[in-house]
Every structure is written in C-alpha cells, then in structure tokens.
C-alpha cells in the first residue's frame, strides 16, 4: 500500500461504526521514534474537554488557530476545549515553557462521521499565543503546494499508540512516503 521511509510501521484496524452498522477500515499509524525535545516539533498541541485531559493532538497553524481532526470535537462541537502547547509529555508540565488556552471548535462543514471524509476542525484560541513569552512554541510551516511530489517523504508526529494496545505519553514521529497520505 505504501513504502516507508525510516522506522515506520503501519497497521490496519477496523472501526465499527454503529451508524447503518457499516464497518470501515481506517488506517492508523502505529510506531514511531520518541522525540527528544519539544523544540523539535514546537507546533504540536494537545487538547481535551477539561484542563490537562488528553483527547487528541493538533498543530498550531498561527497565533490563534490549531488544526485538529473533526472526529475529536464532534461530540461537543460548540463546547469549550483546552489546548496545551509547549509540552511534549502528557504527564509533565514544564513550568514557564508551556501554556493551556481555552478554545472553541470549528468543524469542517462537510465532515462525514460515517466515512471520516473532511475529518478536519480548527480550534480558535481565546487569546493569541505570545511567541516572545514562549520561544519554544511556534506555528507549523504550511506547504504552499496542495500535494507533495509522489515518492517524497512526509513527517508525521503526535501522541498515541506505539504498539497495538499501548498509548504513549510522549510525542512520537515517523516518516512516511507521501503516496500513503493520498491513498484512499
């Protein structure tokens, strides 16, 4: 299905959707390499519906918005979320280096929870990030092209599974072939 550049593994697991009792195969990336420092991925964010509770990851795209997945906010689309920035570890909070900001969700208007098409959402931060006060927090550099060149490597990072039934508390990173992202 895809060629891997680096130390990546991928597994396929089924998510059973109760809607219409249809089973969908959804690709998930399992594995990765621990990230030694928050400074390597200063745009990484994690969010939850309560303070210091992990629900999903995201990427800071400017001083006011975090990009995340719509399935992370679909159960509470108009509620308040808490976005954490500046910490690579879900269990440790580096004093003076990390912040947590309340945010509201904006789901993609064409998100389909049955197929996961348009699985995108923005979290609008209540207050902008002060990059001078938090030099280890920076927005991600977004590509000016819509699609990467076929065969080029793309870097992914996030918290989550490093084995089938184990969730890691540290940021992990993988390198994948860009074709994997384009495969339906």
Protein backbone atom coordinates (compact mmCIF):
# COMPACT_ATOMS: atom_id res chain seq x y z
CA UNK A 1 0.00 0.00 0.00
CA UNK A 2 2.88 2.42 0.72
CA UNK A 3 6.60 2.40 1.11
CA UNK A 4 8.04 3.55 4.37
CA UNK A 5 10.99 5.91 4.67
CA UNK A 6 12.50 5.45 8.09
CA UNK A 7 11.40 3.45 11.10
CA UNK A 8 7.67 3.41 10.48
CA UNK A 9 5.14 0.70 10.86
CA UNK A 10 1.52 0.81 9.89
CA UNK A 11 -1.33 -1.38 10.88
CA UNK A 12 -4.84 -1.56 9.67
CA UNK A 13 -7.58 -1.83 12.19
CA UNK A 14 -11.29 -1.75 11.77
CA UNK A 15 -13.50 0.77 13.43
CA UNK A 16 -17.05 -0.44 13.77
CA UNK A 17 -19.41 2.44 13.18
CA UNK A 18 -22.82 1.92 14.69
CA UNK A 19 -24.45 4.15 12.07
CA UNK A 20 -26.02 1.83 9.50
CA UNK A 21 -23.94 -0.99 11.01
CA UNK A 22 -21.27 -0.50 8.36
CA UNK A 23 -17.68 -1.48 9.06
CA UNK A 24 -14.97 0.86 7.80
CA UNK A 25 -11.29 0.10 7.56
CA UNK A 26 -9.35 3.09 8.78
CA UNK A 27 -5.59 3.29 8.51
CA UNK A 28 -3.77 4.20 11.68
CA UNK A 29 -0.05 4.66 12.09
CA UNK A 30 1.43 2.63 14.90
CA UNK A 31 5.03 3.00 15.98
CA UNK A 32 7.45 5.84 15.84
CA UNK A 33 10.53 7.25 17.47
CA UNK A 34 10.39 9.26 20.70
CA UNK A 35 11.05 12.96 20.18
CA UNK A 36 13.89 14.13 22.45
CA UNK A 37 12.74 17.73 22.81
CA UNK A 38 9.59 19.84 22.42
CA UNK A 39 11.73 22.20 20.34
CA UNK A 40 11.86 19.63 17.53
CA UNK A 41 8.10 20.00 16.94
CA UNK A 42 7.20 23.35 18.56
CA UNK A 43 3.78 23.45 16.84
CA UNK A 44 2.47 20.28 18.48
CA UNK A 45 -0.66 20.79 20.55
CA UNK A 46 -2.89 18.51 22.57
CA UNK A 47 -6.43 19.22 23.55
CA UNK A 48 -9.23 17.98 25.74
CA UNK A 49 -12.62 18.99 27.11
CA UNK A 50 -11.17 19.56 30.57
CA UNK A 51 -7.89 21.07 31.70
CA UNK A 52 -4.95 18.68 31.47
CA UNK A 53 -7.04 15.89 29.95
CA UNK A 54 -5.76 14.47 26.65
CA UNK A 55 -8.30 13.84 23.89
CA UNK A 56 -6.48 14.49 20.60
CA UNK A 57 -3.44 16.14 19.12
CA UNK A 58 -3.19 19.04 16.73
CA UNK A 59 -0.86 21.52 15.07
CA UNK A 60 -0.62 25.22 15.81
CA UNK A 61 -1.00 26.98 12.43
CA UNK A 62 -0.76 30.60 13.64
CA UNK A 63 -1.08 32.52 16.89
CA UNK A 64 -4.86 31.91 17.08
CA UNK A 65 -5.67 28.52 15.49
CA UNK A 66 -4.87 24.84 15.97
CA UNK A 67 -5.69 22.27 13.26
CA UNK A 68 -7.09 19.00 14.59
CA UNK A 69 -9.46 16.23 13.46
CA UNK A 70 -13.23 16.77 13.34
CA UNK A 71 -13.86 13.40 14.99
CA UNK A 72 -12.10 14.83 18.07
CA UNK A 73 -14.71 17.56 18.51
CA UNK A 74 -17.88 16.04 17.01
CA UNK A 75 -19.34 15.03 20.39
CA UNK A 76 -19.10 18.63 21.66
CA UNK A 77 -18.93 20.86 18.56
CA UNK A 78 -19.91 24.10 20.32
CA UNK A 79 -18.24 23.49 23.68
CA UNK A 80 -15.02 24.78 25.15
CA UNK A 81 -11.77 22.85 24.72
CA UNK A 82 -8.43 23.37 26.41
CA UNK A 83 -5.41 23.47 24.10
CA UNK A 84 -1.98 22.73 25.58
CA UNK A 85 1.15 23.99 23.85
CA UNK A 86 4.83 23.65 24.72
CA UNK A 87 4.86 20.22 26.38
CA UNK A 88 6.00 17.01 24.70
CA UNK A 89 4.94 14.89 27.68
CA UNK A 90 1.27 14.49 28.59
CA UNK A 91 2.18 13.77 32.21
CA UNK A 92 4.70 16.54 32.91
CA UNK A 93 4.11 20.26 32.63
CA UNK A 94 7.30 22.32 32.12
CA UNK A 95 6.73 25.45 34.22
CA UNK A 96 7.27 28.66 32.30
CA UNK A 97 7.55 26.82 28.97
CA UNK A 98 4.03 25.57 28.36
CA UNK A 99 0.59 27.15 28.26
CA UNK A 100 -3.00 25.99 28.19
CA UNK A 101 -5.56 28.14 26.39
CA UNK A 102 -9.37 27.75 26.18
CA UNK A 103 -10.63 27.35 22.60
CA UNK A 104 -13.80 26.83 20.59
CA UNK A 105 -14.16 24.31 17.77
CA UNK A 106 -15.00 24.98 14.13
CA UNK A 107 -15.74 21.71 12.31
CA UNK A 108 -15.38 21.31 8.55
CA UNK A 109 -18.91 21.89 7.20
CA UNK A 110 -18.73 18.76 5.02
CA UNK A 111 -17.29 16.41 7.65
CA UNK A 112 -18.92 12.98 7.39
CA UNK A 113 -18.56 10.92 10.59
CA UNK A 114 -19.59 7.75 8.74
CA UNK A 115 -16.77 7.87 6.20
CA UNK A 116 -14.41 10.30 8.00
CA UNK A 117 -14.26 12.43 4.85
CA UNK A 118 -13.20 16.02 5.58
CA UNK A 119 -12.08 14.98 9.06
CA UNK A 120 -10.78 18.48 9.85
CA UNK A 121 -11.51 21.04 12.53
CA UNK A 122 -10.00 24.26 13.77
CA UNK A 123 -9.70 25.24 17.40
CA UNK A 124 -9.86 29.02 17.80
CA UNK A 125 -7.85 30.04 20.84
CA UNK A 126 -9.48 32.56 23.19
CA UNK A 127 -6.25 34.53 23.34
CA UNK A 128 -3.38 34.59 20.85
CA UNK A 129 -0.12 32.81 21.65
CA UNK A 130 2.63 35.21 22.73
CA UNK A 131 5.62 33.77 20.86
CA UNK A 132 8.04 36.13 22.63
CA UNK A 133 6.97 34.86 26.05
CA UNK A 134 7.08 31.22 24.88
CA UNK A 135 10.02 30.86 22.46
CA UNK A 136 9.67 27.06 22.32
CA UNK A 137 6.14 27.38 20.84
CA UNK A 138 5.94 28.13 17.11
CA UNK A 139 3.37 27.58 14.33
CA UNK A 140 3.95 24.85 11.79
CA UNK A 141 5.25 25.89 8.36
CA UNK A 142 2.49 25.04 5.90
CA UNK A 143 3.36 24.00 2.37
CA UNK A 144 2.40 26.30 -0.46
CA UNK A 145 1.62 23.28 -2.66
CA UNK A 146 -1.53 21.23 -2.23
CA UNK A 147 0.08 17.83 -2.79
CA UNK A 148 3.66 16.75 -2.16
CA UNK A 149 5.59 15.21 -5.04
CA UNK A 150 4.94 11.46 -5.45
CA UNK A 151 7.52 9.47 -3.54
CA UNK A 152 8.63 12.35 -1.36
CA UNK A 153 8.88 11.84 2.38
CA UNK A 154 6.44 13.42 4.79
CA UNK A 155 6.99 13.68 8.53
CA UNK A 156 4.19 12.97 10.97
CA UNK A 157 4.15 13.42 14.71
CA UNK A 158 1.73 13.04 17.56
CA UNK A 159 0.85 11.30 20.77
CA UNK A 160 -0.76 7.94 20.61
CA UNK A 161 -0.20 4.30 20.03
CA UNK A 162 3.30 2.94 19.76
CA UNK A 163 2.04 -0.62 19.96
CA UNK A 164 -1.38 -2.09 19.31
CA UNK A 165 -2.80 -1.53 22.79
CA UNK A 166 -0.41 0.99 24.35
CA UNK A 167 -0.76 4.77 24.27
CA UNK A 168 2.46 6.73 24.73
CA UNK A 169 2.58 9.97 26.71
CA UNK A 170 5.45 11.43 24.65
CA UNK A 171 5.44 12.92 21.16
CA UNK A 172 6.45 10.29 18.58
CA UNK A 173 7.50 10.91 14.98
CA UNK A 174 7.51 8.84 11.80
CA UNK A 175 8.49 9.40 8.20
CA UNK A 176 6.12 8.10 5.52
CA UNK A 177 6.01 8.10 1.76
CA UNK A 178 3.72 10.91 0.59
CA UNK A 179 1.77 8.39 -1.51
CA UNK A 180 0.43 6.87 1.73
CA UNK A 181 -1.36 10.13 2.54
CA UNK A 182 -3.03 10.17 -0.89
CA UNK A 183 -4.18 6.55 -0.86
CA UNK A 184 -7.94 6.32 -0.28
